[in-house]
Amino acid sequence: MRGGVNIDQAQTLALNVLAFLASSSGALERLMEQSGLDLVTLRDRAADADFQVAILDFLLANEELLVDFCQTTRTEPRAVRLAAHRLSHG
């Protein structure tokens, strides 16, 4: 994702982050606690660009999770930032 990211790549990355959070001990619970959303709402909004930005922002705000995600998925942290920017600016 050098230089930029297209909308499909950004959406895929956001969904990968959501799956990662769901598999990480306590991470999804923290997301739900901070956002006030429940599992049904998370599932229903997973394809929503604004929600995807919130997921990426949540990851970016949690350095330990970000590092773990990037190492696990071999993703550059910059790609997460680029995806959040792309989704927030269409």
PDB file of N, CA and C in Angstrom:
ATOM      1  N   MET A   1       0.817  -1.184   0.000  1.00  0.00           N
ATOM      2  CA  MET A   1       0.000   0.000   0.000  1.00  0.00           C
ATOM      3  C   MET A   1       0.859   1.245   0.000  1.00  0.00           C
ATOM      4  N   ARG A   2       1.878   1.240  -0.766  1.00  0.00           N
ATOM      5  CA  ARG A   2       2.773   2.384  -0.844  1.00  0.00           C
ATOM      6  C   ARG A   2       2.085   3.533  -1.564  1.00  0.00           C
ATOM      7  N   GLY A   3       2.233   4.719  -0.976  1.00  0.00           N
ATOM      8  CA  GLY A   3       1.757   5.917  -1.628  1.00  0.00           C
ATOM      9  C   GLY A   3       0.271   6.164  -1.505  1.00  0.00           C
ATOM     10  N   GLY A   4      -0.515   5.151  -1.378  1.00  0.00           N
ATOM     11  CA  GLY A   4      -1.948   5.340  -1.281  1.00  0.00           C
ATOM     12  C   GLY A   4      -2.656   4.012  -1.158  1.00  0.00           C
ATOM     13  N   VAL A   5      -3.921   4.102  -0.985  1.00  0.00           N
ATOM     14  CA  VAL A   5      -4.744   2.913  -0.824  1.00  0.00           C
ATOM     15  C   VAL A   5      -6.090   3.210  -1.470  1.00  0.00           C
ATOM     16  N   ASN A   6      -6.615   2.240  -2.202  1.00  0.00           N
ATOM     17  CA  ASN A   6      -7.930   2.471  -2.801  1.00  0.00           C
ATOM     18  C   ASN A   6      -9.018   2.081  -1.806  1.00  0.00           C
ATOM     19  N   ILE A   7     -10.235   2.418  -2.118  1.00  0.00           N
ATOM     20  CA  ILE A   7     -11.346   2.212  -1.191  1.00  0.00           C
ATOM     21  C   ILE A   7     -11.550   0.736  -0.862  1.00  0.00           C
ATOM     22  N   ASP A   8     -11.395  -0.141  -1.845  1.00  0.00           N
ATOM     23  CA  ASP A   8     -11.559  -1.576  -1.590  1.00  0.00           C
ATOM     24  C   ASP A   8     -10.493  -2.091  -0.629  1.00  0.00           C
ATOM     25  N   GLN A   9      -9.260  -1.653  -0.818  1.00  0.00           N
ATOM     26  CA  GLN A   9      -8.183  -2.063   0.087  1.00  0.00           C
ATOM     27  C   GLN A   9      -8.440  -1.540   1.501  1.00  0.00           C
ATOM     28  N   ALA A  10      -8.926  -0.314   1.594  1.00  0.00           N
ATOM     29  CA  ALA A  10      -9.203   0.286   2.897  1.00  0.00           C
ATOM     30  C   ALA A  10     -10.318  -0.473   3.611  1.00  0.00           C
ATOM     31  N   GLN A  11     -11.373  -0.819   2.885  1.00  0.00           N
ATOM     32  CA  GLN A  11     -12.478  -1.566   3.485  1.00  0.00           C
ATOM     33  C   GLN A  11     -12.034  -2.957   3.918  1.00  0.00           C
ATOM     34  N   THR A  12     -11.243  -3.608   3.100  1.00  0.00           N
ATOM     35  CA  THR A  12     -10.743  -4.934   3.445  1.00  0.00           C
ATOM     36  C   THR A  12      -9.872  -4.875   4.683  1.00  0.00           C
ATOM     37  N   LEU A  13      -9.018  -3.872   4.761  1.00  0.00           N
ATOM     38  CA  LEU A  13      -8.160  -3.728   5.926  1.00  0.00           C
ATOM     39  C   LEU A  13      -9.000  -3.494   7.182  1.00  0.00           C
ATOM     40  N   ALA A  14     -10.016  -2.652   7.096  1.00  0.00           N
ATOM     41  CA  ALA A  14     -10.880  -2.390   8.251  1.00  0.00           C
ATOM     42  C   ALA A  14     -11.575  -3.668   8.710  1.00  0.00           C
ATOM     43  N   LEU A  15     -12.051  -4.473   7.781  1.00  0.00           N
ATOM     44  CA  LEU A  15     -12.698  -5.734   8.151  1.00  0.00           C
ATOM     45  C   LEU A  15     -11.691  -6.714   8.745  1.00  0.00           C
ATOM     46  N   ASN A  16     -10.473  -6.701   8.242  1.00  0.00           N
ATOM     47  CA  ASN A  16      -9.419  -7.536   8.831  1.00  0.00           C
ATOM     48  C   ASN A  16      -9.106  -7.098  10.261  1.00  0.00           C
ATOM     49  N   VAL A  17      -9.114  -5.793  10.492  1.00  0.00           N
ATOM     50  CA  VAL A  17      -8.899  -5.290  11.849  1.00  0.00           C
ATOM     51  C   VAL A  17     -10.034  -5.740  12.760  1.00  0.00           C
ATOM     52  N   LEU A  18     -11.270  -5.655  12.292  1.00  0.00           N
ATOM     53  CA  LEU A  18     -12.403  -6.095  13.098  1.00  0.00           C
ATOM     54  C   LEU A  18     -12.275  -7.580  13.448  1.00  0.00           C
ATOM     55  N   ALA A  19     -11.898  -8.397  12.477  1.00  0.00           N
ATOM     56  CA  ALA A  19     -11.699  -9.828  12.741  1.00  0.00           C
ATOM     57  C   ALA A  19     -10.568 -10.038  13.742  1.00  0.00           C
ATOM     58  N   PHE A  20      -9.507  -9.271  13.605  1.00  0.00           N
ATOM     59  CA  PHE A  20      -8.391  -9.356  14.542  1.00  0.00           C
ATOM     60  C   PHE A  20      -8.844  -8.990  15.951  1.00  0.00           C
ATOM     61  N   LEU A  21      -9.609  -7.907  16.071  1.00  0.00           N
ATOM     62  CA  LEU A  21     -10.096  -7.492  17.385  1.00  0.00           C
ATOM     63  C   LEU A  21     -10.986  -8.571  18.001  1.00  0.00           C
ATOM     64  N   ALA A  22     -11.789  -9.216  17.171  1.00  0.00           N
ATOM     65  CA  ALA A  22     -12.671 -10.266  17.673  1.00  0.00           C
ATOM     66  C   ALA A  22     -11.877 -11.472  18.182  1.00  0.00           C
ATOM     67  N   SER A  23     -10.698 -11.689  17.628  1.00  0.00           N
ATOM     68  CA  SER A  23      -9.892 -12.836  18.043  1.00  0.00           C
ATOM     69  C   SER A  23      -8.886 -12.493  19.140  1.00  0.00           C
ATOM     70  N   SER A  24      -8.768 -11.221  19.470  1.00  0.00           N
ATOM     71  CA  SER A  24      -7.825 -10.776  20.498  1.00  0.00           C
ATOM     72  C   SER A  24      -8.526 -10.709  21.852  1.00  0.00           C
ATOM     73  N   SER A  25      -7.877 -11.217  22.841  1.00  0.00           N
ATOM     74  CA  SER A  25      -8.450 -11.260  24.181  1.00  0.00           C
ATOM     75  C   SER A  25      -8.785  -9.867  24.701  1.00  0.00           C
ATOM     76  N   GLY A  26     -10.073  -9.607  24.882  1.00  0.00           N
ATOM     77  CA  GLY A  26     -10.517  -8.360  25.467  1.00  0.00           C
ATOM     78  C   GLY A  26     -10.616  -7.175  24.523  1.00  0.00           C
ATOM     79  N   ALA A  27     -10.040  -7.255  23.336  1.00  0.00           N
ATOM     80  CA  ALA A  27     -10.011  -6.091  22.442  1.00  0.00           C
ATOM     81  C   ALA A  27     -11.405  -5.714  21.947  1.00  0.00           C
ATOM     82  N   LEU A  28     -12.179  -6.692  21.530  1.00  0.00           N
ATOM     83  CA  LEU A  28     -13.514  -6.391  21.027  1.00  0.00           C
ATOM     84  C   LEU A  28     -14.399  -5.829  22.145  1.00  0.00           C
ATOM     85  N   GLU A  29     -14.215  -6.356  23.347  1.00  0.00           N
ATOM     86  CA  GLU A  29     -14.974  -5.854  24.486  1.00  0.00           C
ATOM     87  C   GLU A  29     -14.628  -4.384  24.758  1.00  0.00           C
ATOM     88  N   ARG A  30     -13.349  -4.035  24.647  1.00  0.00           N
ATOM     89  CA  ARG A  30     -12.937  -2.637  24.844  1.00  0.00           C
ATOM     90  C   ARG A  30     -13.552  -1.740  23.765  1.00  0.00           C
ATOM     91  N   LEU A  31     -13.556  -2.227  22.531  1.00  0.00           N
ATOM     92  CA  LEU A  31     -14.171  -1.462  21.444  1.00  0.00           C
ATOM     93  C   LEU A  31     -15.652  -1.230  21.733  1.00  0.00           C
ATOM     94  N   MET A  32     -16.346  -2.273  22.143  1.00  0.00           N
ATOM     95  CA  MET A  32     -17.773  -2.136  22.434  1.00  0.00           C
ATOM     96  C   MET A  32     -18.000  -1.197  23.615  1.00  0.00           C
ATOM     97  N   GLU A  33     -17.160  -1.300  24.628  1.00  0.00           N
ATOM     98  CA  GLU A  33     -17.288  -0.438  25.798  1.00  0.00           C
ATOM     99  C   GLU A  33     -17.082   1.026  25.419  1.00  0.00           C
ATOM    100  N   GLN A  34     -16.044   1.291  24.621  1.00  0.00           N
ATOM    101  CA  GLN A  34     -15.742   2.672  24.242  1.00  0.00           C
ATOM    102  C   GLN A  34     -16.764   3.249  23.261  1.00  0.00           C
ATOM    103  N   SER A  35     -17.299   2.389  22.391  1.00  0.00           N
ATOM    104  CA  SER A  35     -18.233   2.877  21.378  1.00  0.00           C
ATOM    105  C   SER A  35     -19.686   2.841  21.835  1.00  0.00           C
ATOM    106  N   GLY A  36     -19.970   2.030  22.856  1.00  0.00           N
ATOM    107  CA  GLY A  36     -21.343   1.878  23.312  1.00  0.00           C
ATOM    108  C   GLY A  36     -22.172   0.962  22.429  1.00  0.00           C
ATOM    109  N   LEU A  37     -21.526   0.254  21.526  1.00  0.00           N
ATOM    110  CA  LEU A  37     -22.234  -0.640  20.603  1.00  0.00           C
ATOM    111  C   LEU A  37     -22.224  -2.073  21.124  1.00  0.00           C
ATOM    112  N   ASP A  38     -23.230  -2.838  20.699  1.00  0.00           N
ATOM    113  CA  ASP A  38     -23.270  -4.253  21.057  1.00  0.00           C
ATOM    114  C   ASP A  38     -22.868  -5.095  19.839  1.00  0.00           C
ATOM    115  N   LEU A  39     -22.791  -6.410  20.028  1.00  0.00           N
ATOM    116  CA  LEU A  39     -22.346  -7.293  18.940  1.00  0.00           C
ATOM    117  C   LEU A  39     -23.248  -7.225  17.715  1.00  0.00           C
ATOM    118  N   VAL A  40     -24.547  -7.135  17.915  1.00  0.00           N
ATOM    119  CA  VAL A  40     -25.477  -7.072  16.786  1.00  0.00           C
ATOM    120  C   VAL A  40     -25.230  -5.806  15.970  1.00  0.00           C
ATOM    121  N   THR A  41     -25.057  -4.691  16.644  1.00  0.00           N
ATOM    122  CA  THR A  41     -24.806  -3.426  15.956  1.00  0.00           C
ATOM    123  C   THR A  41     -23.447  -3.447  15.259  1.00  0.00           C
ATOM    124  N   LEU A  42     -22.444  -4.033  15.919  1.00  0.00           N
ATOM    125  CA  LEU A  42     -21.130  -4.157  15.273  1.00  0.00           C
ATOM    126  C   LEU A  42     -21.261  -4.930  13.964  1.00  0.00           C
ATOM    127  N   ARG A  43     -21.962  -6.038  14.004  1.00  0.00           N
ATOM    128  CA  ARG A  43     -22.138  -6.858  12.802  1.00  0.00           C
ATOM    129  C   ARG A  43     -22.908  -6.087  11.733  1.00  0.00           C
ATOM    130  N   ASP A  44     -23.976  -5.417  12.143  1.00  0.00           N
ATOM    131  CA  ASP A  44     -24.812  -4.695  11.186  1.00  0.00           C
ATOM    132  C   ASP A  44     -24.093  -3.508  10.548  1.00  0.00           C
ATOM    133  N   ARG A  45     -23.160  -2.904  11.264  1.00  0.00           N
ATOM    134  CA  ARG A  45     -22.467  -1.706  10.762  1.00  0.00           C
ATOM    135  C   ARG A  45     -21.095  -2.008  10.165  1.00  0.00           C
ATOM    136  N   ALA A  46     -20.703  -3.268  10.116  1.00  0.00           N
ATOM    137  CA  ALA A  46     -19.351  -3.633   9.672  1.00  0.00           C
ATOM    138  C   ALA A  46     -19.005  -3.081   8.288  1.00  0.00           C
ATOM    139  N   ALA A  47     -19.979  -2.955   7.412  1.00  0.00           N
ATOM    140  CA  ALA A  47     -19.720  -2.461   6.054  1.00  0.00           C
ATOM    141  C   ALA A  47     -19.831  -0.948   5.921  1.00  0.00           C
ATOM    142  N   ASP A  48     -20.202  -0.262   6.999  1.00  0.00           N
ATOM    143  CA  ASP A  48     -20.374   1.184   6.987  1.00  0.00           C
ATOM    144  C   ASP A  48     -19.012   1.886   7.076  1.00  0.00           C
ATOM    145  N   ALA A  49     -18.736   2.781   6.154  1.00  0.00           N
ATOM    146  CA  ALA A  49     -17.426   3.445   6.092  1.00  0.00           C
ATOM    147  C   ALA A  49     -17.107   4.216   7.371  1.00  0.00           C
ATOM    148  N   ASP A  50     -18.090   4.907   7.932  1.00  0.00           N
ATOM    149  CA  ASP A  50     -17.833   5.653   9.168  1.00  0.00           C
ATOM    150  C   ASP A  50     -17.457   4.714  10.314  1.00  0.00           C
ATOM    151  N   PHE A  51     -18.127   3.588  10.381  1.00  0.00           N
ATOM    152  CA  PHE A  51     -17.810   2.604  11.408  1.00  0.00           C
ATOM    153  C   PHE A  51     -16.419   2.011  11.167  1.00  0.00           C
ATOM    154  N   GLN A  52     -16.089   1.761   9.906  1.00  0.00           N
ATOM    155  CA  GLN A  52     -14.762   1.227   9.581  1.00  0.00           C
ATOM    156  C   GLN A  52     -13.669   2.208   9.990  1.00  0.00           C
ATOM    157  N   VAL A  53     -13.902   3.489   9.801  1.00  0.00           N
ATOM    158  CA  VAL A  53     -12.943   4.504  10.256  1.00  0.00           C
ATOM    159  C   VAL A  53     -12.793   4.421  11.769  1.00  0.00           C
ATOM    160  N   ALA A  54     -13.900   4.271  12.472  1.00  0.00           N
ATOM    161  CA  ALA A  54     -13.853   4.166  13.938  1.00  0.00           C
ATOM    162  C   ALA A  54     -13.047   2.940  14.376  1.00  0.00           C
ATOM    163  N   ILE A  55     -13.185   1.848  13.664  1.00  0.00           N
ATOM    164  CA  ILE A  55     -12.420   0.629  13.978  1.00  0.00           C
ATOM    165  C   ILE A  55     -10.928   0.896  13.792  1.00  0.00           C
ATOM    166  N   LEU A  56     -10.588   1.504  12.672  1.00  0.00           N
ATOM    167  CA  LEU A  56      -9.178   1.798  12.399  1.00  0.00           C
ATOM    168  C   LEU A  56      -8.624   2.804  13.401  1.00  0.00           C
ATOM    169  N   ASP A  57      -9.411   3.812  13.741  1.00  0.00           N
ATOM    170  CA  ASP A  57      -8.980   4.798  14.740  1.00  0.00           C
ATOM    171  C   ASP A  57      -8.777   4.147  16.102  1.00  0.00           C
ATOM    172  N   PHE A  58      -9.654   3.216  16.463  1.00  0.00           N
ATOM    173  CA  PHE A  58      -9.512   2.490  17.717  1.00  0.00           C
ATOM    174  C   PHE A  58      -8.178   1.745  17.731  1.00  0.00           C
ATOM    175  N   LEU A  59      -7.854   1.082  16.640  1.00  0.00           N
ATOM    176  CA  LEU A  59      -6.582   0.355  16.558  1.00  0.00           C
ATOM    177  C   LEU A  59      -5.405   1.321  16.634  1.00  0.00           C
ATOM    178  N   LEU A  60      -5.479   2.420  15.910  1.00  0.00           N
ATOM    179  CA  LEU A  60      -4.393   3.398  15.908  1.00  0.00           C
ATOM    180  C   LEU A  60      -4.169   4.020  17.281  1.00  0.00           C
ATOM    181  N   ALA A  61      -5.212   4.100  18.077  1.00  0.00           N
ATOM    182  CA  ALA A  61      -5.108   4.692  19.412  1.00  0.00           C
ATOM    183  C   ALA A  61      -4.571   3.714  20.456  1.00  0.00           C
ATOM    184  N   ASN A  62      -4.431   2.463  20.082  1.00  0.00           N
ATOM    185  CA  ASN A  62      -3.968   1.422  20.997  1.00  0.00           C
ATOM    186  C   ASN A  62      -2.683   0.814  20.446  1.00  0.00           C
ATOM    187  N   GLU A  63      -1.566   1.406  20.823  1.00  0.00           N
ATOM    188  CA  GLU A  63      -0.281   1.027  20.227  1.00  0.00           C
ATOM    189  C   GLU A  63       0.022  -0.466  20.342  1.00  0.00           C
ATOM    190  N   GLU A  64      -0.254  -1.043  21.496  1.00  0.00           N
ATOM    191  CA  GLU A  64       0.025  -2.474  21.675  1.00  0.00           C
ATOM    192  C   GLU A  64      -0.781  -3.322  20.692  1.00  0.00           C
ATOM    193  N   LEU A  65      -2.055  -3.002  20.537  1.00  0.00           N
ATOM    194  CA  LEU A  65      -2.891  -3.719  19.568  1.00  0.00           C
ATOM    195  C   LEU A  65      -2.422  -3.470  18.147  1.00  0.00           C
ATOM    196  N   LEU A  66      -2.058  -2.223  17.854  1.00  0.00           N
ATOM    197  CA  LEU A  66      -1.584  -1.877  16.514  1.00  0.00           C
ATOM    198  C   LEU A  66      -0.340  -2.679  16.156  1.00  0.00           C
ATOM    199  N   VAL A  67       0.613  -2.726  17.062  1.00  0.00           N
ATOM    200  CA  VAL A  67       1.846  -3.476  16.813  1.00  0.00           C
ATOM    201  C   VAL A  67       1.531  -4.952  16.622  1.00  0.00           C
ATOM    202  N   ASP A  68       0.669  -5.485  17.484  1.00  0.00           N
ATOM    203  CA  ASP A  68       0.301  -6.899  17.384  1.00  0.00           C
ATOM    204  C   ASP A  68      -0.383  -7.188  16.049  1.00  0.00           C
ATOM    205  N   PHE A  69      -1.326  -6.328  15.658  1.00  0.00           N
ATOM    206  CA  PHE A  69      -2.016  -6.498  14.378  1.00  0.00           C
ATOM    207  C   PHE A  69      -1.030  -6.461  13.219  1.00  0.00           C
ATOM    208  N   CYS A  70      -0.165  -5.460  13.228  1.00  0.00           N
ATOM    209  CA  CYS A  70       0.779  -5.288  12.120  1.00  0.00           C
ATOM    210  C   CYS A  70       1.759  -6.452  12.029  1.00  0.00           C
ATOM    211  N   GLN A  71       2.217  -6.937  13.163  1.00  0.00           N
ATOM    212  CA  GLN A  71       3.129  -8.083  13.141  1.00  0.00           C
ATOM    213  C   GLN A  71       2.405  -9.349  12.698  1.00  0.00           C
ATOM    214  N   THR A  72       1.211  -9.553  13.198  1.00  0.00           N
ATOM    215  CA  THR A  72       0.439 -10.752  12.872  1.00  0.00           C
ATOM    216  C   THR A  72       0.063 -10.808  11.401  1.00  0.00           C
ATOM    217  N   THR A  73      -0.315  -9.670  10.848  1.00  0.00           N
ATOM    218  CA  THR A  73      -0.806  -9.629   9.467  1.00  0.00           C
ATOM    219  C   THR A  73       0.236  -9.135   8.465  1.00  0.00           C
ATOM    220  N   ARG A  74       1.416  -8.793   8.973  1.00  0.00           N
ATOM    221  CA  ARG A  74       2.470  -8.241   8.113  1.00  0.00           C
ATOM    222  C   ARG A  74       1.994  -6.999   7.364  1.00  0.00           C
ATOM    223  N   THR A  75       1.366  -6.128   8.127  1.00  0.00           N
ATOM    224  CA  THR A  75       0.833  -4.873   7.601  1.00  0.00           C
ATOM    225  C   THR A  75       1.652  -3.725   8.174  1.00  0.00           C
ATOM    226  N   GLU A  76       1.983  -2.763   7.349  1.00  0.00           N
ATOM    227  CA  GLU A  76       2.692  -1.587   7.835  1.00  0.00           C
ATOM    228  C   GLU A  76       1.714  -0.697   8.597  1.00  0.00           C
ATOM    229  N   PRO A  77       2.127  -0.156   9.740  1.00  0.00           N
ATOM    230  CA  PRO A  77       1.241   0.758  10.480  1.00  0.00           C
ATOM    231  C   PRO A  77       0.742   1.908   9.607  1.00  0.00           C
ATOM    232  N   ARG A  78       1.575   2.366   8.714  1.00  0.00           N
ATOM    233  CA  ARG A  78       1.199   3.455   7.808  1.00  0.00           C
ATOM    234  C   ARG A  78      -0.022   3.077   6.968  1.00  0.00           C
ATOM    235  N   ALA A  79      -0.136   1.802   6.618  1.00  0.00           N
ATOM    236  CA  ALA A  79      -1.271   1.347   5.815  1.00  0.00           C
ATOM    237  C   ALA A  79      -2.580   1.509   6.576  1.00  0.00           C
ATOM    238  N   VAL A  80      -2.534   1.317   7.882  1.00  0.00           N
ATOM    239  CA  VAL A  80      -3.736   1.499   8.702  1.00  0.00           C
ATOM    240  C   VAL A  80      -4.150   2.964   8.679  1.00  0.00           C
ATOM    241  N   ARG A  81      -3.200   3.865   8.843  1.00  0.00           N
ATOM    242  CA  ARG A  81      -3.469   5.294   8.797  1.00  0.00           C
ATOM    243  C   ARG A  81      -4.004   5.702   7.418  1.00  0.00           C
ATOM    244  N   LEU A  82      -3.387   5.196   6.357  1.00  0.00           N
ATOM    245  CA  LEU A  82      -3.833   5.515   5.000  1.00  0.00           C
ATOM    246  C   LEU A  82      -5.253   5.015   4.755  1.00  0.00           C
ATOM    247  N   ALA A  83      -5.571   3.831   5.269  1.00  0.00           N
ATOM    248  CA  ALA A  83      -6.923   3.270   5.092  1.00  0.00           C
ATOM    249  C   ALA A  83      -7.949   4.129   5.827  1.00  0.00           C
ATOM    250  N   ALA A  84      -7.615   4.552   7.045  1.00  0.00           N
ATOM    251  CA  ALA A  84      -8.541   5.405   7.789  1.00  0.00           C
ATOM    252  C   ALA A  84      -8.761   6.723   7.045  1.00  0.00           C
ATOM    253  N   HIS A  85      -7.699   7.282   6.513  1.00  0.00           N
ATOM    254  CA  HIS A  85      -7.811   8.538   5.763  1.00  0.00           C
ATOM    255  C   HIS A  85      -8.681   8.349   4.507  1.00  0.00           C
ATOM    256  N   ARG A  86      -8.459   7.269   3.796  1.00  0.00           N
ATOM    257  CA  ARG A  86      -9.205   6.997   2.561  1.00  0.00           C
ATOM    258  C   ARG A  86     -10.699   6.835   2.854  1.00  0.00           C
ATOM    259  N   LEU A  87     -11.010   6.079   3.897  1.00  0.00           N
ATOM    260  CA  LEU A  87     -12.420   5.858   4.230  1.00  0.00           C
ATOM    261  C   LEU A  87     -13.097   7.124   4.734  1.00  0.00           C
ATOM    262  N   SER A  88     -12.363   7.961   5.418  1.00  0.00           N
ATOM    263  CA  SER A  88     -12.967   9.183   5.935  1.00  0.00           C
ATOM    264  C   SER A  88     -13.111  10.273   4.876  1.00  0.00           C
ATOM    265  N   HIS A  89     -12.345  10.134   3.792  1.00  0.00           N
ATOM    266  CA  HIS A  89     -12.401  11.143   2.715  1.00  0.00           C
ATOM    267  C   HIS A  89     -12.930  10.606   1.403  1.00  0.00           C
ATOM    268  N   GLY A  90     -13.465   9.383   1.448  1.00  0.00           N
ATOM    269  CA  GLY A  90     -14.053   8.779   0.251  1.00  0.00           C
ATOM    270  C   GLY A  90     -13.051   8.517  -0.762  1.00  0.00           C
TER     271      GLY A  90
END
